[in-house]
Every structure is written in structure tokens, then in C-alpha cells.
Amino acid sequence: MPDLADEPHAGDVVESEVVHDGRVWDIRRDTVDLGHSTVVREYVDHTGAVGVLAMDDAERVLLIRQYRHPIRSRDWELPAGLLDMAGEPPLVAAQRELAEEADTVASTWNVLTEVAPSPGGSNEIIRIYLARGIRRAEQAFDREDEEADIEVRWVPIDEVVRGVLERRLRNAALAVGVLAAVASRATGYETLGDPDLPLERGSWLTRPLHHWSPSAEDDSAR
């Protein structure tokens, strides 16, 4: 059903203010005229993020485990990070995060999927890339803070899916990424997108879907 798609729609914002200037994210309060009523909504004004599902020739997925204080847990995740560097394209950010968090680089990149993890309370959009043609980075990255204790593991993708379905793995980007990868695999990966597809927060649903094709693989290598 090609018509089954989220509909871009912007409410009439009559007032907007930052009510908390945070270290990483701000909290914004908008007064929105819905036509039939006026509502006030507070939400996390997010930079957006990228995640990387790196998969080797044996269909093993690269997972990292690190401490996440808000949930008091060391959870398994995909390498990921914020789009918080001015002018940095999402693809470049994804390549940087894979190298920094897992000392890994890839030659072939495609957009796997995009997700709004909590649209009722945040404007965050996460783009998840599928990275293949995996090799070790020439130089290890010096990690600090929570990333200093990152554990890296290669796990068969079907085993990761089983962990998600059995509720042992709860990270949202990880769950969405591996399920999307398995679903795309069933189509021969015909759903993959161009790695350089623009990602514009607030208007991401208005752009056309540009599918990737094998002939573009050389152009996607970085």
C-alpha cells in the first residue's frame, strides 16, 4: 500500500519558547492552534541522530555495550551518535560514529530506515544506516566517559532478532535496525536508500524516497 505513509502536517505555532537550556538538549514549549482548540506542548528539542547497523559477510552484526544512566543499565546498542556538528552530513556522522565507537570502517553504505522514537515528547529523528564491506580502522580511537568501557561483540543477526523478540534487548534503534535489516533482506535489499539522502528535521517526510540500486554501490563507498 504505497499510500500508507505518515502525513506531514505542521500545526499553527502561535508561541514558542525554550523553557530549559540543557547541556545536550533543550526543552521547548509551544502553544499550538489546532483550529478547534489551542494546546500547550513541551518536548525535547533534539538534534537528531544516526545509528549504524554494521554487518559482515557472515551476516553478523556489530553491537556495542555501554552504560546508560537514565535507565541504569549497560545495554547492547548499535554504534550511534547525535547530529550535533554544524554542517556535518548524516552519512559522515554515521561513518565517524562507527570509527569512534568500534574502531571499524565500511566501504558500502545505505539508508536502512528512519524512526521517530518518541514523537509525543521529542522531535528526534534517527536515521539508521546499513554498513557493509567491513574492516578494522587503521588507528584505534581514544574513548572517554561512558564510551571508555565500551564492549564490542559480533553477533549473528538472527540471534539479535531473537534477543529483541524475547525482550532481552530493549534499545530502540537496535530493535528497529535489526528488524528492518531482516525485512529488507527478504526483499533482496531492494528497500535500501541512497546513502546521501538528505535528512531535514521537520520536513523529512516531504522528500521523495530515493531507492538504492546495485549500480550505485561504487558511489556509496567511503
N, C-alpha and C. Protein backbone atom coordinates (compact mmCIF):
# COMPACT_ATOMS: atom_id res chain seq x y z
N MET A 1 0.85 -1.19 0.00
CA MET A 1 0.00 0.00 0.00
C MET A 1 0.88 1.24 0.00
N PRO A 2 1.22 1.77 -1.18
CA PRO A 2 2.12 2.94 -1.24
C PRO A 2 1.54 4.18 -0.59
N ASP A 3 0.19 4.21 -0.40
CA ASP A 3 -0.41 5.39 0.21
C ASP A 3 -0.36 5.33 1.74
N LEU A 4 0.17 4.23 2.29
CA LEU A 4 0.29 4.11 3.74
C LEU A 4 1.58 4.81 4.17
N ALA A 5 1.44 6.07 4.56
CA ALA A 5 2.62 6.88 4.90
C ALA A 5 2.21 7.96 5.89
N ASP A 6 3.13 8.30 6.77
CA ASP A 6 2.88 9.42 7.67
C ASP A 6 2.66 10.68 6.86
N GLU A 7 1.75 11.52 7.32
CA GLU A 7 1.39 12.74 6.59
C GLU A 7 2.05 13.96 7.21
N PRO A 8 2.90 14.67 6.47
CA PRO A 8 3.48 15.91 7.00
C PRO A 8 2.38 16.91 7.32
N HIS A 9 2.42 17.45 8.51
CA HIS A 9 1.41 18.44 8.90
C HIS A 9 1.98 19.26 10.05
N ALA A 10 2.03 20.55 9.89
CA ALA A 10 2.56 21.44 10.92
C ALA A 10 1.42 22.26 11.51
N GLY A 11 1.22 22.12 12.81
CA GLY A 11 0.23 22.95 13.48
C GLY A 11 0.66 24.41 13.48
N ASP A 12 -0.29 25.29 13.68
CA ASP A 12 -0.01 26.73 13.70
C ASP A 12 0.55 27.11 15.08
N VAL A 13 1.87 27.28 15.15
CA VAL A 13 2.53 27.63 16.41
C VAL A 13 2.40 29.13 16.63
N VAL A 14 1.65 29.50 17.65
CA VAL A 14 1.43 30.92 17.93
C VAL A 14 2.44 31.46 18.93
N GLU A 15 3.09 30.57 19.66
CA GLU A 15 4.12 31.00 20.62
C GLU A 15 5.06 29.83 20.87
N SER A 16 6.36 30.12 20.98
CA SER A 16 7.35 29.08 21.23
C SER A 16 8.47 29.65 22.08
N GLU A 17 8.88 28.89 23.10
CA GLU A 17 9.96 29.35 23.97
C GLU A 17 10.74 28.16 24.51
N VAL A 18 12.02 28.37 24.76
CA VAL A 18 12.86 27.37 25.40
C VAL A 18 12.70 27.52 26.91
N VAL A 19 12.19 26.49 27.56
CA VAL A 19 11.95 26.56 29.00
C VAL A 19 13.08 25.91 29.79
N HIS A 20 13.93 25.15 29.11
CA HIS A 20 15.11 24.59 29.76
C HIS A 20 16.23 24.50 28.74
N ASP A 21 17.33 25.18 29.02
CA ASP A 21 18.50 25.18 28.16
C ASP A 21 19.45 24.11 28.67
N GLY A 22 19.36 22.91 28.09
CA GLY A 22 20.10 21.78 28.61
C GLY A 22 21.51 21.65 28.07
N ARG A 23 22.27 20.78 28.70
CA ARG A 23 23.66 20.55 28.29
C ARG A 23 23.73 19.88 26.91
N VAL A 24 22.78 19.00 26.64
CA VAL A 24 22.75 18.30 25.35
C VAL A 24 21.52 18.68 24.54
N TRP A 25 20.34 18.69 25.19
CA TRP A 25 19.09 19.03 24.51
C TRP A 25 18.36 20.11 25.29
N ASP A 26 17.52 20.84 24.59
CA ASP A 26 16.65 21.83 25.22
C ASP A 26 15.24 21.27 25.36
N ILE A 27 14.48 21.87 26.28
CA ILE A 27 13.06 21.60 26.38
C ILE A 27 12.33 22.83 25.86
N ARG A 28 11.48 22.63 24.87
CA ARG A 28 10.75 23.73 24.24
C ARG A 28 9.27 23.63 24.55
N ARG A 29 8.64 24.79 24.76
CA ARG A 29 7.20 24.85 25.00
C ARG A 29 6.54 25.61 23.85
N ASP A 30 5.64 24.94 23.14
CA ASP A 30 4.92 25.55 22.03
C ASP A 30 3.44 25.68 22.37
N THR A 31 2.87 26.81 21.99
CA THR A 31 1.42 26.98 22.01
C THR A 31 0.94 26.81 20.58
N VAL A 32 0.05 25.84 20.36
CA VAL A 32 -0.33 25.43 19.01
C VAL A 32 -1.83 25.60 18.81
N ASP A 33 -2.19 26.31 17.76
CA ASP A 33 -3.60 26.47 17.38
C ASP A 33 -3.97 25.31 16.45
N LEU A 34 -4.84 24.42 16.94
CA LEU A 34 -5.26 23.26 16.15
C LEU A 34 -6.50 23.54 15.32
N GLY A 35 -7.00 24.76 15.39
CA GLY A 35 -8.23 25.11 14.68
C GLY A 35 -9.44 24.99 15.57
N HIS A 36 -9.64 23.81 16.13
CA HIS A 36 -10.78 23.57 17.02
C HIS A 36 -10.42 23.81 18.48
N SER A 37 -9.11 23.94 18.78
CA SER A 37 -8.67 24.21 20.15
C SER A 37 -7.21 24.66 20.12
N THR A 38 -6.76 25.21 21.25
CA THR A 38 -5.37 25.62 21.40
C THR A 38 -4.75 24.79 22.52
N VAL A 39 -3.58 24.24 22.26
CA VAL A 39 -2.92 23.38 23.24
C VAL A 39 -1.51 23.89 23.49
N VAL A 40 -0.97 23.55 24.66
CA VAL A 40 0.41 23.85 25.01
C VAL A 40 1.14 22.51 25.16
N ARG A 41 2.24 22.37 24.46
CA ARG A 41 3.00 21.13 24.49
C ARG A 41 4.48 21.41 24.74
N GLU A 42 5.07 20.65 25.66
CA GLU A 42 6.50 20.73 25.92
C GLU A 42 7.16 19.46 25.38
N TYR A 43 8.34 19.63 24.77
CA TYR A 43 9.00 18.48 24.17
C TYR A 43 10.51 18.70 24.12
N VAL A 44 11.24 17.62 23.99
CA VAL A 44 12.69 17.69 23.82
C VAL A 44 12.99 18.17 22.40
N ASP A 45 13.70 19.29 22.30
CA ASP A 45 14.12 19.82 21.00
C ASP A 45 15.46 19.17 20.66
N HIS A 46 15.41 18.14 19.87
CA HIS A 46 16.53 17.22 19.67
C HIS A 46 17.32 17.55 18.41
N THR A 47 18.59 17.24 18.43
CA THR A 47 19.46 17.47 17.27
C THR A 47 19.23 16.47 16.14
N GLY A 48 18.61 15.34 16.48
CA GLY A 48 18.57 14.22 15.55
C GLY A 48 19.79 13.33 15.75
N ALA A 49 19.74 12.12 15.21
CA ALA A 49 20.82 11.17 15.46
C ALA A 49 20.95 10.19 14.30
N VAL A 50 22.07 9.50 14.29
CA VAL A 50 22.30 8.43 13.32
C VAL A 50 22.73 7.17 14.06
N GLY A 51 22.38 6.03 13.51
CA GLY A 51 22.83 4.75 14.02
C GLY A 51 23.37 3.92 12.86
N VAL A 52 24.21 2.95 13.19
CA VAL A 52 24.86 2.14 12.15
C VAL A 52 24.68 0.66 12.45
N LEU A 53 23.99 -0.04 11.54
CA LEU A 53 23.95 -1.49 11.60
C LEU A 53 25.05 -1.99 10.67
N ALA A 54 26.19 -2.31 11.28
CA ALA A 54 27.33 -2.81 10.52
C ALA A 54 27.24 -4.33 10.45
N MET A 55 27.26 -4.88 9.24
CA MET A 55 27.08 -6.32 9.05
C MET A 55 28.19 -6.88 8.19
N ASP A 56 28.81 -7.96 8.65
CA ASP A 56 29.91 -8.55 7.89
C ASP A 56 29.38 -9.59 6.90
N ASP A 57 30.29 -10.25 6.19
CA ASP A 57 29.89 -11.19 5.15
C ASP A 57 29.19 -12.43 5.71
N ALA A 58 29.39 -12.70 6.99
CA ALA A 58 28.73 -13.84 7.63
C ALA A 58 27.39 -13.44 8.25
N GLU A 59 26.93 -12.25 7.95
CA GLU A 59 25.68 -11.70 8.48
C GLU A 59 25.70 -11.61 10.01
N ARG A 60 26.86 -11.24 10.52
CA ARG A 60 26.97 -10.89 11.93
C ARG A 60 26.88 -9.37 12.06
N VAL A 61 26.23 -8.94 13.12
CA VAL A 61 26.01 -7.52 13.37
C VAL A 61 26.94 -7.06 14.48
N LEU A 62 27.51 -5.87 14.30
CA LEU A 62 28.39 -5.30 15.32
C LEU A 62 27.54 -4.61 16.38
N LEU A 63 27.65 -5.08 17.62
CA LEU A 63 26.95 -4.49 18.75
C LEU A 63 27.96 -3.92 19.73
N ILE A 64 27.56 -2.84 20.39
CA ILE A 64 28.38 -2.29 21.47
C ILE A 64 27.54 -2.25 22.75
N ARG A 65 28.23 -2.40 23.89
CA ARG A 65 27.53 -2.30 25.17
C ARG A 65 28.18 -1.20 25.99
N GLN A 66 27.35 -0.28 26.49
CA GLN A 66 27.85 0.80 27.32
C GLN A 66 26.80 1.21 28.34
N TYR A 67 27.25 1.93 29.36
CA TYR A 67 26.35 2.34 30.44
C TYR A 67 25.46 3.48 29.99
N ARG A 68 24.15 3.35 30.29
CA ARG A 68 23.16 4.39 30.01
C ARG A 68 22.50 4.77 31.33
N HIS A 69 22.89 5.92 31.85
CA HIS A 69 22.47 6.30 33.19
C HIS A 69 20.95 6.44 33.36
N PRO A 70 20.21 7.07 32.43
CA PRO A 70 18.77 7.23 32.67
C PRO A 70 18.04 5.92 32.92
N ILE A 71 18.48 4.82 32.30
CA ILE A 71 17.80 3.54 32.52
C ILE A 71 18.60 2.63 33.45
N ARG A 72 19.73 3.15 34.00
CA ARG A 72 20.55 2.39 34.94
C ARG A 72 20.87 1.01 34.38
N SER A 73 21.46 1.00 33.21
CA SER A 73 21.70 -0.28 32.53
C SER A 73 22.88 -0.15 31.58
N ARG A 74 23.60 -1.25 31.40
CA ARG A 74 24.59 -1.35 30.34
C ARG A 74 23.92 -2.13 29.21
N ASP A 75 23.39 -1.41 28.24
CA ASP A 75 22.60 -2.08 27.21
C ASP A 75 23.38 -2.26 25.92
N TRP A 76 22.96 -3.27 25.16
CA TRP A 76 23.54 -3.51 23.84
C TRP A 76 22.89 -2.57 22.84
N GLU A 77 23.72 -1.97 21.99
CA GLU A 77 23.24 -0.96 21.06
C GLU A 77 23.95 -1.10 19.72
N LEU A 78 23.47 -0.34 18.75
CA LEU A 78 24.22 -0.08 17.53
C LEU A 78 25.13 1.11 17.78
N PRO A 79 26.28 1.19 17.14
CA PRO A 79 27.04 2.44 17.18
C PRO A 79 26.15 3.58 16.70
N ALA A 80 26.13 4.67 17.44
CA ALA A 80 25.20 5.75 17.13
C ALA A 80 25.70 7.04 17.75
N GLY A 81 25.13 8.15 17.29
CA GLY A 81 25.50 9.43 17.86
C GLY A 81 24.63 10.56 17.36
N LEU A 82 24.81 11.71 17.96
CA LEU A 82 23.99 12.88 17.66
C LEU A 82 24.44 13.58 16.38
N LEU A 83 23.49 14.22 15.74
CA LEU A 83 23.80 15.12 14.62
C LEU A 83 24.01 16.52 15.20
N ASP A 84 25.08 16.68 15.95
CA ASP A 84 25.29 17.92 16.69
C ASP A 84 26.50 18.72 16.20
N MET A 85 27.05 18.34 15.05
CA MET A 85 28.16 19.08 14.47
C MET A 85 27.64 19.86 13.27
N ALA A 86 27.72 21.17 13.34
CA ALA A 86 27.15 22.03 12.30
C ALA A 86 27.70 21.68 10.93
N GLY A 87 26.79 21.45 9.99
CA GLY A 87 27.17 21.21 8.61
C GLY A 87 27.62 19.79 8.30
N GLU A 88 27.67 18.92 9.30
CA GLU A 88 28.11 17.55 9.05
C GLU A 88 26.97 16.72 8.47
N PRO A 89 27.13 16.15 7.27
CA PRO A 89 26.08 15.32 6.68
C PRO A 89 25.83 14.07 7.52
N PRO A 90 24.61 13.54 7.52
CA PRO A 90 24.32 12.34 8.31
C PRO A 90 25.24 11.17 7.99
N LEU A 91 25.56 10.96 6.70
CA LEU A 91 26.44 9.85 6.35
C LEU A 91 27.81 9.99 6.98
N VAL A 92 28.36 11.19 6.95
CA VAL A 92 29.67 11.43 7.55
C VAL A 92 29.61 11.21 9.06
N ALA A 93 28.52 11.65 9.68
CA ALA A 93 28.35 11.44 11.12
C ALA A 93 28.30 9.95 11.44
N ALA A 94 27.59 9.18 10.63
CA ALA A 94 27.49 7.74 10.85
C ALA A 94 28.86 7.07 10.70
N GLN A 95 29.62 7.46 9.69
CA GLN A 95 30.95 6.90 9.49
C GLN A 95 31.86 7.25 10.66
N ARG A 96 31.73 8.46 11.15
CA ARG A 96 32.54 8.89 12.29
C ARG A 96 32.20 8.09 13.54
N GLU A 97 30.91 7.89 13.80
CA GLU A 97 30.50 7.16 15.00
C GLU A 97 30.97 5.71 14.95
N LEU A 98 30.89 5.07 13.79
CA LEU A 98 31.34 3.69 13.68
C LEU A 98 32.83 3.58 13.98
N ALA A 99 33.60 4.54 13.49
CA ALA A 99 35.04 4.54 13.73
C ALA A 99 35.36 4.85 15.19
N GLU A 100 34.68 5.84 15.75
CA GLU A 100 34.99 6.26 17.11
C GLU A 100 34.56 5.24 18.16
N GLU A 101 33.41 4.62 17.96
CA GLU A 101 32.88 3.72 18.99
C GLU A 101 33.32 2.27 18.82
N ALA A 102 33.71 1.88 17.60
CA ALA A 102 34.02 0.47 17.38
C ALA A 102 35.30 0.25 16.57
N ASP A 103 36.05 1.31 16.28
CA ASP A 103 37.30 1.17 15.53
C ASP A 103 37.09 0.39 14.24
N THR A 104 35.99 0.71 13.55
CA THR A 104 35.58 -0.05 12.37
C THR A 104 35.21 0.92 11.25
N VAL A 105 35.53 0.54 10.01
CA VAL A 105 35.13 1.32 8.84
C VAL A 105 34.44 0.38 7.86
N ALA A 106 33.69 0.96 6.92
CA ALA A 106 32.94 0.18 5.95
C ALA A 106 33.05 0.84 4.58
N SER A 107 32.97 0.03 3.52
CA SER A 107 33.10 0.55 2.16
C SER A 107 31.76 0.82 1.50
N THR A 108 30.69 0.18 1.97
CA THR A 108 29.38 0.33 1.33
C THR A 108 28.35 0.76 2.36
N TRP A 109 27.66 1.85 2.06
CA TRP A 109 26.69 2.43 2.98
C TRP A 109 25.36 2.65 2.28
N ASN A 110 24.27 2.37 3.01
CA ASN A 110 22.92 2.64 2.51
C ASN A 110 22.02 3.04 3.66
N VAL A 111 21.02 3.85 3.37
CA VAL A 111 20.00 4.15 4.37
C VAL A 111 19.13 2.90 4.54
N LEU A 112 19.04 2.42 5.77
CA LEU A 112 18.21 1.26 6.08
C LEU A 112 16.79 1.67 6.45
N THR A 113 16.68 2.60 7.40
CA THR A 113 15.36 3.07 7.82
C THR A 113 15.53 4.35 8.63
N GLU A 114 14.42 4.98 8.96
CA GLU A 114 14.39 6.16 9.82
C GLU A 114 13.24 6.00 10.80
N VAL A 115 13.43 6.51 12.01
CA VAL A 115 12.41 6.31 13.04
C VAL A 115 12.34 7.53 13.95
N ALA A 116 11.10 7.87 14.35
CA ALA A 116 10.86 8.88 15.38
C ALA A 116 10.56 8.11 16.66
N PRO A 117 11.51 7.99 17.59
CA PRO A 117 11.34 7.07 18.72
C PRO A 117 10.29 7.49 19.74
N SER A 118 10.01 8.77 19.85
CA SER A 118 9.03 9.21 20.85
C SER A 118 8.38 10.51 20.39
N PRO A 119 7.55 10.48 19.34
CA PRO A 119 7.04 11.71 18.73
C PRO A 119 6.08 12.50 19.60
N GLY A 120 5.59 11.89 20.68
CA GLY A 120 4.74 12.64 21.59
C GLY A 120 5.51 13.55 22.53
N GLY A 121 6.83 13.33 22.64
CA GLY A 121 7.61 14.12 23.58
C GLY A 121 8.94 14.60 23.05
N SER A 122 9.25 14.31 21.79
CA SER A 122 10.54 14.70 21.23
C SER A 122 10.41 14.80 19.72
N ASN A 123 11.19 15.72 19.12
CA ASN A 123 11.21 15.81 17.66
C ASN A 123 12.39 15.06 17.06
N GLU A 124 12.97 14.15 17.85
CA GLU A 124 14.13 13.38 17.38
C GLU A 124 13.77 12.47 16.21
N ILE A 125 14.62 12.47 15.21
CA ILE A 125 14.58 11.51 14.12
C ILE A 125 15.93 10.78 14.11
N ILE A 126 15.88 9.45 14.09
CA ILE A 126 17.10 8.65 14.00
C ILE A 126 17.15 8.01 12.62
N ARG A 127 18.22 8.26 11.90
CA ARG A 127 18.45 7.56 10.63
C ARG A 127 19.39 6.39 10.91
N ILE A 128 19.02 5.21 10.46
CA ILE A 128 19.84 4.02 10.65
C ILE A 128 20.40 3.59 9.30
N TYR A 129 21.72 3.46 9.26
CA TYR A 129 22.41 3.04 8.05
C TYR A 129 22.76 1.55 8.12
N LEU A 130 22.77 0.90 6.97
CA LEU A 130 23.35 -0.43 6.84
C LEU A 130 24.74 -0.25 6.25
N ALA A 131 25.74 -0.73 6.98
CA ALA A 131 27.14 -0.60 6.55
C ALA A 131 27.70 -1.99 6.27
N ARG A 132 28.30 -2.15 5.09
CA ARG A 132 28.90 -3.43 4.71
C ARG A 132 30.28 -3.19 4.11
N GLY A 133 30.97 -4.28 3.81
CA GLY A 133 32.36 -4.14 3.39
C GLY A 133 33.19 -3.71 4.59
N ILE A 134 33.11 -4.49 5.65
CA ILE A 134 33.66 -4.11 6.95
C ILE A 134 35.15 -4.40 7.05
N ARG A 135 35.88 -3.50 7.68
CA ARG A 135 37.28 -3.75 8.02
C ARG A 135 37.64 -2.93 9.25
N ARG A 136 38.70 -3.33 9.90
CA ARG A 136 39.17 -2.62 11.07
C ARG A 136 39.76 -1.27 10.67
N ALA A 137 39.55 -0.26 11.51
CA ALA A 137 40.16 1.04 11.29
C ALA A 137 41.67 0.94 11.47
N GLU A 138 42.40 1.76 10.76
CA GLU A 138 43.86 1.72 10.84
C GLU A 138 44.36 2.17 12.20
N GLN A 139 43.59 3.02 12.87
CA GLN A 139 44.02 3.53 14.16
C GLN A 139 42.86 3.49 15.14
N ALA A 140 43.11 2.98 16.35
CA ALA A 140 42.08 2.89 17.38
C ALA A 140 41.78 4.28 17.93
N PHE A 141 40.51 4.49 18.29
CA PHE A 141 40.08 5.78 18.81
C PHE A 141 40.21 5.79 20.33
N ASP A 142 40.63 6.91 20.89
CA ASP A 142 40.79 7.06 22.34
C ASP A 142 39.45 7.50 22.93
N ARG A 143 38.73 6.56 23.56
CA ARG A 143 37.39 6.84 24.08
C ARG A 143 37.45 7.28 25.53
N GLU A 144 36.41 8.04 25.95
CA GLU A 144 36.35 8.54 27.32
C GLU A 144 34.91 8.52 27.82
N ASP A 145 34.74 8.86 29.11
CA ASP A 145 33.43 8.87 29.78
C ASP A 145 32.77 7.49 29.64
N GLU A 146 31.47 7.43 29.34
CA GLU A 146 30.80 6.13 29.23
C GLU A 146 31.40 5.27 28.13
N GLU A 147 31.92 5.93 27.09
CA GLU A 147 32.46 5.18 25.96
C GLU A 147 33.79 4.50 26.28
N ALA A 148 34.43 4.89 27.39
CA ALA A 148 35.72 4.30 27.74
C ALA A 148 35.60 2.81 28.03
N ASP A 149 34.43 2.37 28.48
CA ASP A 149 34.23 0.96 28.83
C ASP A 149 33.39 0.21 27.80
N ILE A 150 33.31 0.72 26.59
CA ILE A 150 32.51 0.06 25.55
C ILE A 150 33.02 -1.36 25.30
N GLU A 151 32.07 -2.28 25.24
CA GLU A 151 32.36 -3.67 24.86
C GLU A 151 31.81 -3.89 23.45
N VAL A 152 32.61 -4.48 22.59
CA VAL A 152 32.22 -4.73 21.20
C VAL A 152 32.05 -6.23 20.99
N ARG A 153 30.97 -6.59 20.29
CA ARG A 153 30.73 -8.01 20.00
C ARG A 153 30.06 -8.15 18.63
N TRP A 154 30.49 -9.15 17.88
CA TRP A 154 29.85 -9.51 16.61
C TRP A 154 28.89 -10.66 16.87
N VAL A 155 27.61 -10.47 16.50
CA VAL A 155 26.56 -11.45 16.80
C VAL A 155 25.76 -11.75 15.53
N PRO A 156 25.45 -13.02 15.23
CA PRO A 156 24.61 -13.32 14.08
C PRO A 156 23.29 -12.55 14.14
N ILE A 157 22.88 -11.98 13.01
CA ILE A 157 21.72 -11.09 13.02
C ILE A 157 20.46 -11.80 13.50
N ASP A 158 20.29 -13.08 13.16
CA ASP A 158 19.09 -13.79 13.60
C ASP A 158 19.08 -13.98 15.11
N GLU A 159 20.26 -14.10 15.71
CA GLU A 159 20.35 -14.19 17.17
C GLU A 159 19.97 -12.86 17.82
N VAL A 160 20.36 -11.75 17.19
CA VAL A 160 19.98 -10.44 17.71
C VAL A 160 18.47 -10.25 17.63
N VAL A 161 17.87 -10.64 16.51
CA VAL A 161 16.42 -10.55 16.37
C VAL A 161 15.74 -11.36 17.47
N ARG A 162 16.25 -12.56 17.75
CA ARG A 162 15.67 -13.39 18.81
C ARG A 162 15.77 -12.68 20.16
N GLY A 163 16.88 -12.00 20.40
CA GLY A 163 17.03 -11.26 21.65
C GLY A 163 16.03 -10.13 21.78
N VAL A 164 15.73 -9.46 20.65
CA VAL A 164 14.72 -8.40 20.67
C VAL A 164 13.35 -8.98 20.95
N LEU A 165 12.99 -10.06 20.26
CA LEU A 165 11.66 -10.64 20.40
C LEU A 165 11.45 -11.26 21.78
N GLU A 166 12.53 -11.71 22.41
CA GLU A 166 12.43 -12.28 23.76
C GLU A 166 12.64 -11.23 24.84
N ARG A 167 12.70 -9.98 24.44
CA ARG A 167 12.75 -8.84 25.37
C ARG A 167 14.04 -8.79 26.19
N ARG A 168 15.10 -9.40 25.67
CA ARG A 168 16.40 -9.32 26.33
C ARG A 168 17.19 -8.11 25.84
N LEU A 169 16.85 -7.60 24.67
CA LEU A 169 17.49 -6.43 24.08
C LEU A 169 16.42 -5.38 23.87
N ARG A 170 16.58 -4.20 24.48
CA ARG A 170 15.49 -3.23 24.51
C ARG A 170 15.82 -1.90 23.85
N ASN A 171 17.05 -1.73 23.40
CA ASN A 171 17.40 -0.46 22.78
C ASN A 171 16.59 -0.24 21.51
N ALA A 172 15.98 0.93 21.39
CA ALA A 172 15.03 1.18 20.30
C ALA A 172 15.69 1.13 18.92
N ALA A 173 16.81 1.82 18.76
CA ALA A 173 17.47 1.84 17.45
C ALA A 173 17.96 0.46 17.07
N LEU A 174 18.45 -0.30 18.04
CA LEU A 174 18.88 -1.66 17.77
C LEU A 174 17.71 -2.52 17.29
N ALA A 175 16.60 -2.45 18.02
CA ALA A 175 15.43 -3.26 17.66
C ALA A 175 14.92 -2.91 16.27
N VAL A 176 14.74 -1.62 16.02
CA VAL A 176 14.24 -1.19 14.71
C VAL A 176 15.23 -1.56 13.61
N GLY A 177 16.51 -1.36 13.88
CA GLY A 177 17.52 -1.62 12.86
C GLY A 177 17.60 -3.08 12.44
N VAL A 178 17.66 -3.99 13.41
CA VAL A 178 17.82 -5.40 13.03
C VAL A 178 16.54 -5.95 12.40
N LEU A 179 15.38 -5.51 12.89
CA LEU A 179 14.14 -5.98 12.29
C LEU A 179 14.00 -5.44 10.86
N ALA A 180 14.40 -4.19 10.66
CA ALA A 180 14.36 -3.62 9.31
C ALA A 180 15.34 -4.33 8.38
N ALA A 181 16.51 -4.68 8.91
CA ALA A 181 17.50 -5.36 8.08
C ALA A 181 17.02 -6.73 7.63
N VAL A 182 16.41 -7.47 8.55
CA VAL A 182 15.90 -8.79 8.19
C VAL A 182 14.76 -8.67 7.18
N ALA A 183 13.89 -7.68 7.39
CA ALA A 183 12.79 -7.47 6.44
C ALA A 183 13.32 -7.06 5.07
N SER A 184 14.34 -6.20 5.04
CA SER A 184 14.92 -5.78 3.77
C SER A 184 15.63 -6.94 3.09
N ARG A 185 16.30 -7.77 3.89
CA ARG A 185 16.97 -8.95 3.33
C ARG A 185 15.99 -9.84 2.57
N ALA A 186 14.77 -9.95 3.08
CA ALA A 186 13.75 -10.79 2.44
C ALA A 186 13.34 -10.25 1.08
N THR A 187 13.58 -8.96 0.82
CA THR A 187 13.26 -8.37 -0.48
C THR A 187 14.47 -8.31 -1.40
N GLY A 188 15.58 -8.90 -0.97
CA GLY A 188 16.82 -8.75 -1.73
C GLY A 188 17.43 -7.38 -1.55
N TYR A 189 17.11 -6.73 -0.43
CA TYR A 189 17.61 -5.39 -0.09
C TYR A 189 17.16 -4.32 -1.08
N GLU A 190 16.03 -4.53 -1.73
CA GLU A 190 15.56 -3.53 -2.69
C GLU A 190 14.99 -2.28 -2.02
N THR A 191 14.78 -2.32 -0.71
CA THR A 191 14.24 -1.16 0.00
C THR A 191 15.31 -0.19 0.47
N LEU A 192 16.58 -0.53 0.31
CA LEU A 192 17.65 0.34 0.80
C LEU A 192 17.65 1.67 0.07
N GLY A 193 18.05 2.72 0.80
CA GLY A 193 18.06 4.06 0.24
C GLY A 193 19.45 4.56 -0.07
N ASP A 194 19.50 5.59 -0.89
CA ASP A 194 20.74 6.28 -1.24
C ASP A 194 21.41 6.77 0.04
N PRO A 195 22.71 6.50 0.23
CA PRO A 195 23.38 6.91 1.47
C PRO A 195 23.45 8.41 1.67
N ASP A 196 23.38 9.18 0.58
CA ASP A 196 23.46 10.64 0.68
C ASP A 196 22.10 11.31 0.73
N LEU A 197 21.05 10.55 0.94
CA LEU A 197 19.71 11.10 1.01
C LEU A 197 19.64 12.19 2.08
N PRO A 198 19.16 13.39 1.75
CA PRO A 198 19.10 14.47 2.75
C PRO A 198 18.18 14.09 3.92
N LEU A 199 18.54 14.54 5.08
CA LEU A 199 17.70 14.36 6.26
C LEU A 199 17.49 15.73 6.88
N GLU A 200 16.29 16.25 6.72
CA GLU A 200 15.97 17.59 7.22
C GLU A 200 14.92 17.46 8.31
N ARG A 201 15.31 17.75 9.52
CA ARG A 201 14.38 17.65 10.64
C ARG A 201 13.20 18.59 10.42
N GLY A 202 12.01 18.06 10.63
CA GLY A 202 10.81 18.87 10.47
C GLY A 202 10.19 18.75 9.10
N SER A 203 11.00 18.34 8.10
CA SER A 203 10.44 18.17 6.76
C SER A 203 10.88 16.85 6.14
N TRP A 204 11.33 15.91 6.99
CA TRP A 204 11.90 14.68 6.48
C TRP A 204 10.90 13.83 5.72
N LEU A 205 9.60 13.98 6.01
CA LEU A 205 8.60 13.17 5.34
C LEU A 205 8.16 13.77 4.01
N THR A 206 8.60 14.98 3.71
CA THR A 206 8.13 15.64 2.49
C THR A 206 8.99 15.30 1.28
N ARG A 207 10.16 14.71 1.50
CA ARG A 207 11.05 14.44 0.38
C ARG A 207 10.71 13.08 -0.25
N PRO A 208 11.00 12.91 -1.53
CA PRO A 208 10.72 11.63 -2.19
C PRO A 208 11.67 10.55 -1.72
N LEU A 209 11.22 9.31 -1.81
CA LEU A 209 12.05 8.17 -1.46
C LEU A 209 12.95 7.83 -2.64
N HIS A 210 14.26 7.86 -2.41
CA HIS A 210 15.22 7.53 -3.47
C HIS A 210 15.81 6.17 -3.14
N HIS A 211 15.45 5.18 -3.92
CA HIS A 211 15.94 3.83 -3.68
C HIS A 211 17.37 3.67 -4.17
N TRP A 212 18.10 2.83 -3.48
CA TRP A 212 19.45 2.48 -3.88
C TRP A 212 19.40 1.36 -4.90
N SER A 213 20.35 1.32 -5.80
CA SER A 213 20.45 0.22 -6.75
C SER A 213 21.89 -0.26 -6.77
N PRO A 214 22.12 -1.54 -7.12
CA PRO A 214 23.49 -2.06 -7.11
C PRO A 214 24.45 -1.24 -7.95
N SER A 215 23.97 -0.60 -9.01
CA SER A 215 24.85 0.19 -9.87
C SER A 215 25.41 1.40 -9.15
N ALA A 216 24.75 1.78 -8.04
CA ALA A 216 25.20 2.95 -7.29
C ALA A 216 26.15 2.57 -6.17
N GLU A 217 26.47 1.26 -6.05
CA GLU A 217 27.26 0.81 -4.91
C GLU A 217 28.63 1.46 -4.86
N ASP A 218 29.28 1.59 -6.02
CA ASP A 218 30.60 2.21 -6.02
C ASP A 218 30.54 3.65 -5.55
N ASP A 219 29.44 4.34 -5.88
CA ASP A 219 29.31 5.74 -5.49
C ASP A 219 29.08 5.88 -4.00
N SER A 220 28.60 4.79 -3.34
CA SER A 220 28.30 4.88 -1.92
C SER A 220 29.49 4.54 -1.06
N ALA A 221 30.57 4.10 -1.65
CA ALA A 221 31.75 3.74 -0.88
C ALA A 221 32.43 4.98 -0.34
N ARG A 222 32.85 4.85 0.91
CA ARG A 222 33.55 5.97 1.54
C ARG A 222 34.85 5.46 2.15
